[in-house]
Every structure is written in structure tokens, then in C-alpha cells.
Amino acid sequence: MQIYKVGGAVRDRLLGKPVTDIDWVVVGATTEEMLAKGFRPVGADFPVFLHPKSGEEYALARTERKSGRGYGGFTFQASPEVTLEEDLIRRDLTINAMAEDDQQNLTDPYHGQRDLEARLLRHVSPAFAEDPLRVLRVARFAARYAALGFTVAPETMELMRQLSESGELEALTAERSWKEISRALLEDQPQVFIEVLRECGALKVLMPEVDALFGVPQPEAHHPEIDTGLHTLSVLEQSARHKQPLTVRWACLLHDLGKGLTPKEDWPRHIAHEHKGLKLIKAVNERFKAPKDCQELALLVGEYHTHGHRALELKPSTLLELLQSFDVYRRPQRFEEFIAACEMDARGRKGLEQRSYPQAEYLRGAATAARSVAVQPLLEKGFKGPELGEAIKRERLKALKAYKEAASA
């Protein structure tokens, strides 16, 4: 029995990056031997075990063979005869197909170290094209390591293009796709993920609503970058630069989908794109079964982001409707995330990345003013039921009028 550290732990150590998760592969062992040593089995499809003390995952060396469509369409064989090289060749990228023993002696049969130095994301073998999920994985690694100068090798991009055209991407489950998408959006340069998917044709298959934004012009006065797709990438880039959470990054990606529906004769204006885009945002949300908080914020940002930009001009009654839509009294954090998404949208414009966004403080102040209305005095006056609701609304409107006057003074 020989045990090796494999994959990301080896890659990141060679890159000088912190190693968090460690994967181990065990060569020359049987399931019975692992159980005898106290390892606990967890793998349903192939033998994976948890270490009795550390809890880390140890997998028996295995080979795999394509047997059906999609990510799950594989049969695996694990036996003591499977070599380390045979196990490593089934991995996606050469930089993930290296192993080292407890003395840090490197096993690198597919030249992963060379590709690390060349800053290339290259597939290990033609079997790469058997797993459609790898298109998303490579795009995610491109986003993660873009700052280090990594790019996708041309021959790997070609395989990704073939996969995108094959119909295999459509066999991916919503859960597997979302796992890769959400992880990619939380990388330091999530816009690279979208760029790579677009370059290989996968964006058109997975998110045609986002792909449709490229080549759609906007008024240059508000959008010096003009192209709606490029604007979306910039907004996503800003969301990462400002360390926004996943909910905000997802909303940033989808906020302008309605502009893809504008007839060409109406370009570069996009009248009512906020409302037109809601059905598209809903479709993307459902396609990937995004978490509820991501779905809700994306829809709200899509509908109200122009309200955010025009906050200083809004009438108190419109401002109150906006606050009610977000339920700022019980869910203040969601309104904070809306403000953040609006600010990222404003900054995601060529040459305007550093400009101030006074609307943010104004909206926060409005929410505070509306929340400051006390309910108890209204109860003491005898209001109840629907009448109480109307009385609270009147008082909040009065508070917002006073707030707007004070802010304008």
C-alpha cells in the first residue's frame, strides 16, 4: 500500500499558495485493507474513505470508462493493480494530475509542473472530452488563476468547443452546474469565467440570456463601454474587487438581461428593460436551482436597480414603495445587498470605476427613517387590522418626506 497526496494540494504548494484541502490516493490496497486500518467508507460510486483521525478523504486508485451521457455517465474500477499513473490520467488538467509522497517526491507523468511554469491550463488526455462538467471546471480555474497569468491551452479550448457543440452540456444536472458556477463567481476574477465560457461556446448553451447581451449597445453617455455584455463583465469584476457575497455577484451577472430583448430598431435605448428582464432572470434562476436568497435578490435588483441609481430624485411615495418591496423592516440585509449591487452596476462602466455613489448613503438613510416609525403610539390611538397598516404607511411616508427635505436642504 502506497499513499500519495494528489491534485490541488500539490498544485497549490508548487504555486506557493496556501493549501487548504488535501486529497489522498491509495495505490495497491483493497477495500478490506482500508476498513481493517479503521478508515470509514463514504463513496457510493467508488471507494472513498475517511481517515480515522484526520477525517481527510482517501480514495483507492481507480480507472474510469465512459458509459453514458453527462457528468455521471462513467463506470469506475478500483483495484490494487491500478497504478498511480493510471489514476492520474483520468484527471482533468495536467496541473491537477501530479502526486507526491510523504517525502515530497513529485510524480508528474503528464508534465503538470511544466504547464504550471508556462501558466497553461491543459487537458491531460483526450478523455477530457468525455466529461462535460470539465468545461465549467476549466473556466473556473481560469478565473482563479487569471491574476497569475494563466490561460487555457488552445488545444484544450478546442476540446471545450467540441463539448459545447455536442449537446453534452445539456446533460449536466442543475446541482452540479450550480456548484461550479457559484464557486467560479466567488473567485477573484469571476468575469474570466464568463469570458472563457463564451469563447468556447458554452455560455450560449448554459446561459443564452447572458450570451445575448454581447453586441447589444447602450447609450454612450451612461455607458462609455457601450456593449452591454462588456458592461456585465465589468460589473461582475467590480463585485469581486469589492468582496461582495455570492448573492450580490449573481444579481450583478443577471441584472441587465432585459436589454437582450430590446428590438434592434430601438437601440441603444432600452425602455422598460427592468421589467422585461424578470422572466429571463427567473428562467436562469430555475435552470440552475439557485439558492432562494440568490434568486430573490437577482429578481429585485433586476426590477429596481434603476430606482437605486435615481434614488435622490425619487418621490417619497416611490421611495416608500421601494422599501416595502424589500421588506426593509424585517430583512435589512437584503436591502444592503441591493444597494451594493446598484453601486457595482454604477462602477462597472469604463473610466467610472472609482466614482462615488452618494445614492448608497441616501438609501440607507431612507431605510433608517422609515424604520424609525414607532408602532406603539398608533396602537394606543386604537388603530388595528388594515387601519393600523394604513396608519403605519402614512407615518412612514411623513418620515420620508421629512428625510428628503432635510437631505435637500
Protein backbone atom coordinates (compact mmCIF):
# COMPACT_ATOMS: atom_id res chain seq x y z
CA MET A 1 0.00 0.00 0.00
CA GLN A 2 1.36 3.42 -1.03
CA ILE A 3 -0.27 6.74 -0.19
CA TYR A 4 0.15 9.93 -2.23
CA LYS A 5 -1.02 13.50 -1.91
CA VAL A 6 -2.67 14.45 -5.22
CA GLY A 7 -4.35 17.22 -7.15
CA GLY A 8 -4.91 20.71 -5.80
CA ALA A 9 -2.72 20.31 -2.72
CA VAL A 10 0.32 19.53 -4.90
CA ARG A 11 -0.55 22.22 -7.43
CA ASP A 12 -1.00 24.98 -4.86
CA ARG A 13 2.17 24.06 -2.93
CA LEU A 14 4.18 24.37 -6.17
CA LEU A 15 2.49 27.72 -6.86
CA GLY A 16 3.37 28.92 -3.36
CA LYS A 17 -0.31 29.29 -2.46
CA PRO A 18 -1.84 28.16 0.85
CA VAL A 19 -3.02 24.54 0.85
CA THR A 20 -6.43 24.03 2.46
CA ASP A 21 -7.99 20.78 1.29
CA ILE A 22 -5.81 17.71 0.81
CA ASP A 23 -6.83 14.74 -1.33
CA TRP A 24 -5.06 11.42 -0.98
CA VAL A 25 -4.90 8.44 -3.32
CA VAL A 26 -4.05 4.96 -2.14
CA VAL A 27 -2.28 2.61 -4.56
CA GLY A 28 -2.10 -1.17 -4.08
CA ALA A 29 -4.84 -1.52 -1.46
CA THR A 30 -8.22 -3.20 -1.20
CA THR A 31 -11.40 -2.02 0.49
CA GLU A 32 -10.93 -4.72 3.13
CA GLU A 33 -7.43 -3.45 3.98
CA MET A 34 -8.72 0.13 4.35
CA LEU A 35 -11.52 -0.99 6.66
CA ALA A 36 -9.05 -3.06 8.72
CA LYS A 37 -7.00 0.11 9.31
CA GLY A 38 -10.03 1.94 10.68
CA PHE A 39 -10.94 4.01 7.59
CA ARG A 40 -14.67 4.78 7.23
CA PRO A 41 -16.23 4.30 3.74
CA VAL A 42 -18.15 7.25 2.25
CA GLY A 43 -18.07 6.74 -1.53
CA ALA A 44 -21.26 5.39 -3.08
CA ASP A 45 -19.93 5.03 -6.64
CA PHE A 46 -16.28 4.25 -5.94
CA PRO A 47 -14.18 3.53 -2.85
CA VAL A 48 -13.51 6.71 -0.86
CA PHE A 49 -12.69 6.56 2.85
CA LEU A 50 -12.34 9.00 5.72
CA HIS A 51 -9.14 8.80 7.77
CA PRO A 52 -9.93 7.55 11.31
CA LYS A 53 -8.20 10.57 12.93
CA SER A 54 -7.88 13.47 10.47
CA GLY A 55 -11.18 12.89 8.66
CA GLU A 56 -9.48 13.63 5.31
CA GLU A 57 -10.56 11.75 2.18
CA TYR A 58 -8.53 8.82 0.89
CA ALA A 59 -9.57 7.29 -2.46
CA LEU A 60 -8.39 4.00 -3.88
CA ALA A 61 -6.57 4.41 -7.20
CA ARG A 62 -9.11 3.86 -9.96
CA THR A 63 -9.72 3.93 -13.68
CA GLU A 64 -12.89 5.18 -15.33
CA ARG A 65 -14.72 4.49 -18.56
CA LYS A 66 -17.43 6.50 -20.30
CA SER A 67 -20.74 4.62 -20.15
CA GLY A 68 -23.44 7.25 -20.63
CA ARG A 69 -24.21 10.95 -21.02
CA GLY A 70 -23.27 13.75 -18.67
CA TYR A 71 -21.17 14.09 -15.56
CA GLY A 72 -22.42 10.85 -14.02
CA GLY A 73 -22.07 8.68 -17.14
CA PHE A 74 -18.98 6.75 -16.02
CA THR A 75 -18.14 3.33 -14.64
CA PHE A 76 -15.19 3.06 -12.27
CA GLN A 77 -12.82 0.26 -11.48
CA ALA A 78 -10.73 0.33 -8.31
CA SER A 79 -8.28 -2.48 -7.61
CA PRO A 80 -4.78 -2.98 -6.18
CA GLU A 81 -3.49 -3.37 -9.76
CA VAL A 82 -4.36 0.22 -10.79
CA THR A 83 -1.16 2.28 -10.95
CA LEU A 84 -0.67 5.87 -9.85
CA GLU A 85 -0.17 6.93 -13.49
CA GLU A 86 -3.45 5.25 -14.49
CA ASP A 87 -5.24 7.09 -11.71
CA LEU A 88 -3.71 10.46 -12.64
CA ILE A 89 -4.51 10.19 -16.37
CA ARG A 90 -8.26 10.35 -15.68
CA ARG A 91 -7.92 13.83 -14.13
CA ASP A 92 -8.92 17.00 -15.97
CA LEU A 93 -5.82 19.22 -16.19
CA THR A 94 -2.11 18.44 -16.14
CA ILE A 95 -1.65 20.84 -13.21
CA ASN A 96 -4.14 18.70 -11.25
CA ALA A 97 -2.54 15.40 -12.29
CA MET A 98 0.54 15.48 -10.08
CA ALA A 99 1.20 13.48 -6.92
CA GLU A 100 3.79 13.48 -4.16
CA ASP A 101 4.77 11.01 -1.46
CA ASP A 102 5.44 11.78 2.19
CA GLN A 103 8.97 12.91 1.26
CA GLN A 104 7.55 15.43 -1.28
CA ASN A 105 8.98 13.41 -4.17
CA LEU A 106 6.95 14.52 -7.20
CA THR A 107 5.27 12.13 -9.64
CA ASP A 108 4.43 14.14 -12.75
CA PRO A 109 3.83 11.84 -15.73
CA TYR A 110 1.82 14.40 -17.72
CA HIS A 111 4.09 17.45 -17.31
CA GLY A 112 1.91 19.43 -14.93
CA GLN A 113 4.90 21.26 -13.44
CA ARG A 114 5.96 22.40 -16.92
CA ASP A 115 2.44 23.76 -17.55
CA LEU A 116 2.45 25.49 -14.15
CA GLU A 117 5.60 27.33 -15.19
CA ALA A 118 4.13 28.11 -18.62
CA ARG A 119 0.88 29.28 -16.93
CA LEU A 120 -1.21 26.93 -19.08
CA LEU A 121 -4.44 25.10 -18.30
CA ARG A 122 -4.03 21.99 -20.47
CA HIS A 123 -6.06 18.75 -20.54
CA VAL A 124 -4.34 15.52 -19.53
CA SER A 125 -5.76 13.23 -22.21
CA PRO A 126 -8.47 13.07 -24.92
CA ALA A 127 -10.74 11.53 -22.25
CA PHE A 128 -11.17 15.15 -21.06
CA ALA A 129 -13.92 15.47 -23.69
CA GLU A 130 -15.95 12.68 -22.07
CA ASP A 131 -16.98 14.81 -19.08
CA PRO A 132 -18.98 18.00 -19.87
CA LEU A 133 -18.53 19.34 -16.33
CA ARG A 134 -14.87 19.93 -17.17
CA VAL A 135 -15.83 22.86 -19.40
CA LEU A 136 -17.12 24.65 -16.29
CA ARG A 137 -14.17 23.50 -14.18
CA VAL A 138 -11.56 24.80 -16.62
CA ALA A 139 -13.37 28.13 -16.87
CA ARG A 140 -13.40 28.28 -13.06
CA PHE A 141 -9.66 27.57 -12.84
CA ALA A 142 -9.10 30.28 -15.46
CA ALA A 143 -10.95 32.73 -13.18
CA ARG A 144 -8.99 31.59 -10.13
CA TYR A 145 -5.54 31.85 -11.68
CA ALA A 146 -6.06 34.71 -14.16
CA ALA A 147 -4.12 37.07 -11.87
CA LEU A 148 -1.10 34.74 -12.17
CA GLY A 149 -1.26 34.92 -15.96
CA PHE A 150 -2.85 31.52 -16.62
CA THR A 151 -4.67 30.94 -19.91
CA VAL A 152 -6.42 27.95 -21.47
CA ALA A 153 -4.22 25.99 -23.91
CA PRO A 154 -5.55 26.31 -27.49
CA GLU A 155 -5.98 22.54 -27.89
CA THR A 156 -7.94 22.38 -24.62
CA MET A 157 -10.13 25.29 -25.72
CA GLU A 158 -10.84 23.36 -28.93
CA LEU A 159 -11.98 20.31 -26.94
CA MET A 160 -14.18 22.57 -24.81
CA ARG A 161 -15.65 23.98 -28.02
CA GLN A 162 -16.41 20.48 -29.28
CA LEU A 163 -18.07 19.60 -25.96
CA SER A 164 -20.18 22.76 -26.12
CA GLU A 165 -21.42 21.81 -29.60
CA SER A 166 -22.03 18.15 -28.76
CA GLY A 167 -25.15 18.58 -26.63
CA GLU A 168 -23.37 17.01 -23.64
CA LEU A 169 -23.59 20.22 -21.59
CA GLU A 170 -27.36 19.87 -21.57
CA ALA A 171 -26.98 16.57 -19.70
CA LEU A 172 -25.44 18.33 -16.69
CA THR A 173 -27.64 18.45 -13.61
CA ALA A 174 -28.64 21.80 -12.14
CA GLU A 175 -26.90 20.91 -8.86
CA ARG A 176 -23.51 20.12 -10.45
CA SER A 177 -23.67 23.18 -12.69
CA TRP A 178 -24.60 25.49 -9.81
CA LYS A 179 -21.77 24.14 -7.68
CA GLU A 180 -19.22 25.12 -10.35
CA ILE A 181 -20.93 28.43 -11.21
CA SER A 182 -21.21 29.55 -7.58
CA ARG A 183 -17.58 28.65 -6.85
CA ALA A 184 -16.45 30.46 -10.00
CA LEU A 185 -18.41 33.60 -9.13
CA LEU A 186 -16.60 33.72 -5.78
CA GLU A 187 -13.15 33.67 -7.41
CA ASP A 188 -11.07 36.86 -7.61
CA GLN A 189 -11.82 37.36 -11.31
CA PRO A 190 -15.26 35.83 -11.96
CA GLN A 191 -15.63 37.76 -15.23
CA VAL A 192 -12.92 35.49 -16.70
CA PHE A 193 -15.19 32.51 -16.05
CA ILE A 194 -17.88 34.08 -18.26
CA GLU A 195 -15.30 35.10 -20.89
CA VAL A 196 -13.93 31.55 -21.19
CA LEU A 197 -17.43 30.03 -21.36
CA ARG A 198 -18.27 32.49 -24.12
CA GLU A 199 -15.07 31.80 -26.04
CA CYS A 200 -15.74 28.04 -26.18
CA GLY A 201 -19.45 28.42 -26.96
CA ALA A 202 -20.65 27.08 -23.61
CA LEU A 203 -22.25 30.36 -22.48
CA LYS A 204 -24.65 30.21 -25.42
CA VAL A 205 -25.75 26.74 -24.26
CA LEU A 206 -25.82 27.28 -20.48
CA MET A 207 -26.89 30.93 -20.22
CA PRO A 208 -28.13 32.12 -23.62
CA GLU A 209 -29.72 35.10 -21.85
CA VAL A 210 -26.27 36.37 -20.77
CA ASP A 211 -24.65 35.48 -24.10
CA ALA A 212 -27.30 37.56 -25.90
CA LEU A 213 -26.04 40.75 -24.20
CA PHE A 214 -22.78 40.82 -26.15
CA GLY A 215 -23.02 43.10 -29.14
CA VAL A 216 -26.04 44.97 -27.74
CA PRO A 217 -25.21 48.72 -27.50
CA GLN A 218 -26.21 51.13 -24.72
CA PRO A 219 -26.19 54.96 -24.70
CA GLU A 220 -22.54 56.08 -24.57
CA ALA A 221 -23.40 58.96 -22.23
CA HIS A 222 -24.22 56.50 -19.45
CA HIS A 223 -22.10 53.58 -20.65
CA PRO A 224 -18.74 54.59 -22.15
CA GLU A 225 -18.05 50.87 -22.74
CA ILE A 226 -21.24 50.79 -24.92
CA ASP A 227 -21.52 46.98 -25.18
CA THR A 228 -23.99 45.50 -22.64
CA GLY A 229 -22.06 42.23 -22.36
CA LEU A 230 -18.81 44.05 -21.59
CA HIS A 231 -20.68 46.15 -19.02
CA THR A 232 -21.95 42.97 -17.34
CA LEU A 233 -18.39 41.61 -17.14
CA SER A 234 -17.21 44.90 -15.61
CA VAL A 235 -19.99 44.88 -13.01
CA LEU A 236 -19.04 41.31 -12.08
CA GLU A 237 -15.39 42.35 -11.85
CA GLN A 238 -16.28 45.21 -9.52
CA SER A 239 -18.35 42.90 -7.32
CA ALA A 240 -15.27 40.71 -6.80
CA ARG A 241 -12.98 43.69 -6.27
CA HIS A 242 -15.30 44.91 -3.51
CA LYS A 243 -15.54 41.41 -1.94
CA GLN A 244 -19.30 41.13 -2.40
CA PRO A 245 -21.10 37.92 -1.35
CA LEU A 246 -22.45 35.36 -3.81
CA THR A 247 -25.98 36.83 -3.73
CA VAL A 248 -24.71 40.20 -4.97
CA ARG A 249 -22.41 38.65 -7.60
CA TRP A 250 -25.26 36.54 -9.00
CA ALA A 251 -27.52 39.61 -9.16
CA CYS A 252 -24.75 41.57 -10.90
CA LEU A 253 -24.47 38.88 -13.58
CA LEU A 254 -28.21 38.89 -14.32
CA HIS A 255 -29.28 42.48 -13.67
CA ASP A 256 -29.43 43.65 -17.32
CA LEU A 257 -30.85 40.56 -19.05
CA GLY A 258 -33.84 42.55 -20.30
CA LYS A 259 -31.56 44.54 -22.63
CA GLY A 260 -31.07 41.38 -24.68
CA LEU A 261 -34.77 41.57 -25.64
CA THR A 262 -34.71 45.15 -26.99
CA PRO A 263 -35.51 45.26 -30.74
CA LYS A 264 -32.54 46.48 -32.82
CA GLU A 265 -34.53 49.43 -34.13
CA ASP A 266 -34.78 50.76 -30.55
CA TRP A 267 -31.03 50.54 -29.82
CA PRO A 268 -29.19 51.98 -27.94
CA ARG A 269 -32.15 52.78 -25.66
CA HIS A 270 -33.68 50.02 -23.54
CA ILE A 271 -37.08 51.17 -22.37
CA ALA A 272 -38.57 49.08 -19.52
CA HIS A 273 -35.69 46.59 -19.71
CA GLU A 274 -36.04 46.13 -15.94
CA HIS A 275 -39.49 44.53 -16.22
CA LYS A 276 -38.78 42.73 -19.49
CA GLY A 277 -35.78 41.04 -17.90
CA LEU A 278 -37.67 39.49 -14.98
CA LYS A 279 -38.88 36.44 -16.92
CA LEU A 280 -35.32 35.81 -18.12
CA ILE A 281 -33.85 36.16 -14.62
CA LYS A 282 -36.49 33.77 -13.34
CA ALA A 283 -35.64 31.25 -16.09
CA VAL A 284 -31.91 31.30 -15.26
CA ASN A 285 -32.66 31.05 -11.53
CA GLU A 286 -34.79 27.98 -12.10
CA ARG A 287 -32.44 26.36 -14.62
CA PHE A 288 -29.64 26.17 -12.07
CA LYS A 289 -31.86 25.87 -8.99
CA ALA A 290 -30.03 28.80 -7.42
CA PRO A 291 -30.50 29.19 -3.64
CA LYS A 292 -33.57 31.17 -2.63
CA ASP A 293 -31.61 34.22 -1.40
CA CYS A 294 -29.74 34.42 -4.73
CA GLN A 295 -32.98 34.08 -6.70
CA GLU A 296 -34.80 36.76 -4.71
CA LEU A 297 -32.02 39.33 -4.84
CA ALA A 298 -31.43 38.81 -8.57
CA LEU A 299 -35.11 39.47 -9.31
CA LEU A 300 -35.27 42.53 -7.04
CA VAL A 301 -32.06 44.03 -8.43
CA GLY A 302 -33.26 43.36 -11.97
CA GLU A 303 -36.52 45.18 -11.31
CA TYR A 304 -35.31 48.08 -9.18
CA HIS A 305 -31.65 48.86 -9.99
CA THR A 306 -32.56 51.98 -11.96
CA HIS A 307 -34.58 53.13 -8.93
CA GLY A 308 -31.36 52.79 -6.96
CA HIS A 309 -29.48 54.99 -9.41
CA ARG A 310 -32.25 57.60 -9.34
CA ALA A 311 -32.68 57.42 -5.54
CA LEU A 312 -32.01 61.15 -4.99
CA GLU A 313 -34.80 62.06 -7.43
CA LEU A 314 -37.45 59.62 -6.22
CA LYS A 315 -40.66 60.96 -4.70
CA PRO A 316 -41.18 59.94 -1.05
CA SER A 317 -44.10 57.72 -2.11
CA THR A 318 -41.92 55.88 -4.68
CA LEU A 319 -39.16 55.56 -2.11
CA LEU A 320 -41.63 54.04 0.34
CA GLU A 321 -42.81 51.53 -2.29
CA LEU A 322 -39.18 50.57 -2.91
CA LEU A 323 -38.53 50.00 0.80
CA GLN A 324 -41.76 47.98 1.12
CA SER A 325 -40.74 45.79 -1.84
CA PHE A 326 -37.57 44.82 0.01
CA ASP A 327 -39.27 44.41 3.39
CA VAL A 328 -36.52 46.54 4.95
CA TYR A 329 -38.17 46.30 8.35
CA ARG A 330 -37.67 42.54 8.72
CA ARG A 331 -34.93 41.93 6.16
CA PRO A 332 -32.47 44.84 6.34
CA GLN A 333 -29.56 42.78 4.98
CA ARG A 334 -31.31 42.16 1.67
CA PHE A 335 -31.67 45.92 1.11
CA GLU A 336 -27.97 46.37 1.93
CA GLU A 337 -27.14 43.79 -0.76
CA PHE A 338 -29.39 45.62 -3.22
CA ILE A 339 -27.52 48.87 -2.55
CA ALA A 340 -24.21 47.04 -3.06
CA ALA A 341 -25.38 45.60 -6.41
CA CYS A 342 -26.51 49.05 -7.56
CA GLU A 343 -23.14 50.52 -6.64
CA MET A 344 -21.32 47.75 -8.54
CA ASP A 345 -23.54 48.49 -11.55
CA ALA A 346 -22.62 52.16 -11.38
CA ARG A 347 -18.90 51.40 -11.07
CA GLY A 348 -18.93 48.77 -13.83
CA ARG A 349 -18.56 51.39 -16.54
CA LYS A 350 -15.39 52.23 -18.43
CA GLY A 351 -13.48 55.02 -16.70
CA LEU A 352 -16.07 55.38 -13.92
CA GLU A 353 -14.84 52.58 -11.63
CA GLN A 354 -13.71 54.99 -8.89
CA ARG A 355 -16.60 57.43 -8.89
CA SER A 356 -18.58 57.99 -5.72
CA TYR A 357 -22.10 56.63 -5.27
CA PRO A 358 -23.99 59.01 -2.94
CA GLN A 359 -27.20 57.08 -3.60
CA ALA A 360 -25.93 54.36 -1.22
CA GLU A 361 -25.92 56.57 1.89
CA TYR A 362 -29.15 58.24 0.83
CA LEU A 363 -30.95 54.88 0.53
CA ARG A 364 -29.57 53.72 3.88
CA GLY A 365 -30.80 56.93 5.48
CA ALA A 366 -34.24 56.48 3.93
CA ALA A 367 -34.48 52.95 5.30
CA THR A 368 -33.48 54.21 8.76
CA ALA A 369 -36.11 56.98 8.59
CA ALA A 370 -38.85 54.52 7.64
CA ARG A 371 -37.80 52.06 10.33
CA SER A 372 -37.84 54.77 12.99
CA VAL A 373 -41.64 55.00 12.89
CA ALA A 374 -42.93 53.58 16.18
CA VAL A 375 -45.97 51.31 16.08
CA GLN A 376 -46.90 51.50 19.79
CA PRO A 377 -48.31 55.09 19.73
CA LEU A 378 -50.59 54.06 16.84
CA LEU A 379 -51.82 51.04 18.79
CA GLU A 380 -52.53 53.31 21.75
CA LYS A 381 -54.63 55.50 19.47
CA GLY A 382 -56.79 52.46 18.75
CA PHE A 383 -55.62 51.55 15.27
CA LYS A 384 -55.81 47.86 14.43
CA GLY A 385 -56.01 45.49 11.46
CA PRO A 386 -55.90 47.10 7.99
CA GLU A 387 -56.37 50.55 9.55
CA LEU A 388 -53.16 50.06 11.55
CA GLY A 389 -51.31 49.13 8.36
CA GLU A 390 -52.52 52.30 6.63
CA ALA A 391 -51.62 54.45 9.65
CA ILE A 392 -48.08 53.00 9.74
CA LYS A 393 -47.74 53.67 6.00
CA ARG A 394 -48.84 57.31 6.46
CA GLU A 395 -46.33 57.85 9.26
CA ARG A 396 -43.53 56.28 7.25
CA LEU A 397 -44.37 58.47 4.28
CA LYS A 398 -44.31 61.52 6.57
CA ALA A 399 -40.89 60.43 7.88
CA LEU A 400 -39.54 60.01 4.33
CA LYS A 401 -40.83 63.47 3.30
CA ALA A 402 -39.02 64.99 6.27
CA TYR A 403 -35.89 62.96 5.42
CA LYS A 404 -35.94 64.10 1.77
CA GLU A 405 -36.39 67.74 2.77
CA ALA A 406 -33.52 67.54 5.24
CA ALA A 407 -31.27 65.85 2.68
CA SER A 408 -32.10 68.52 0.07
CA ALA A 409 -31.51 71.43 2.41
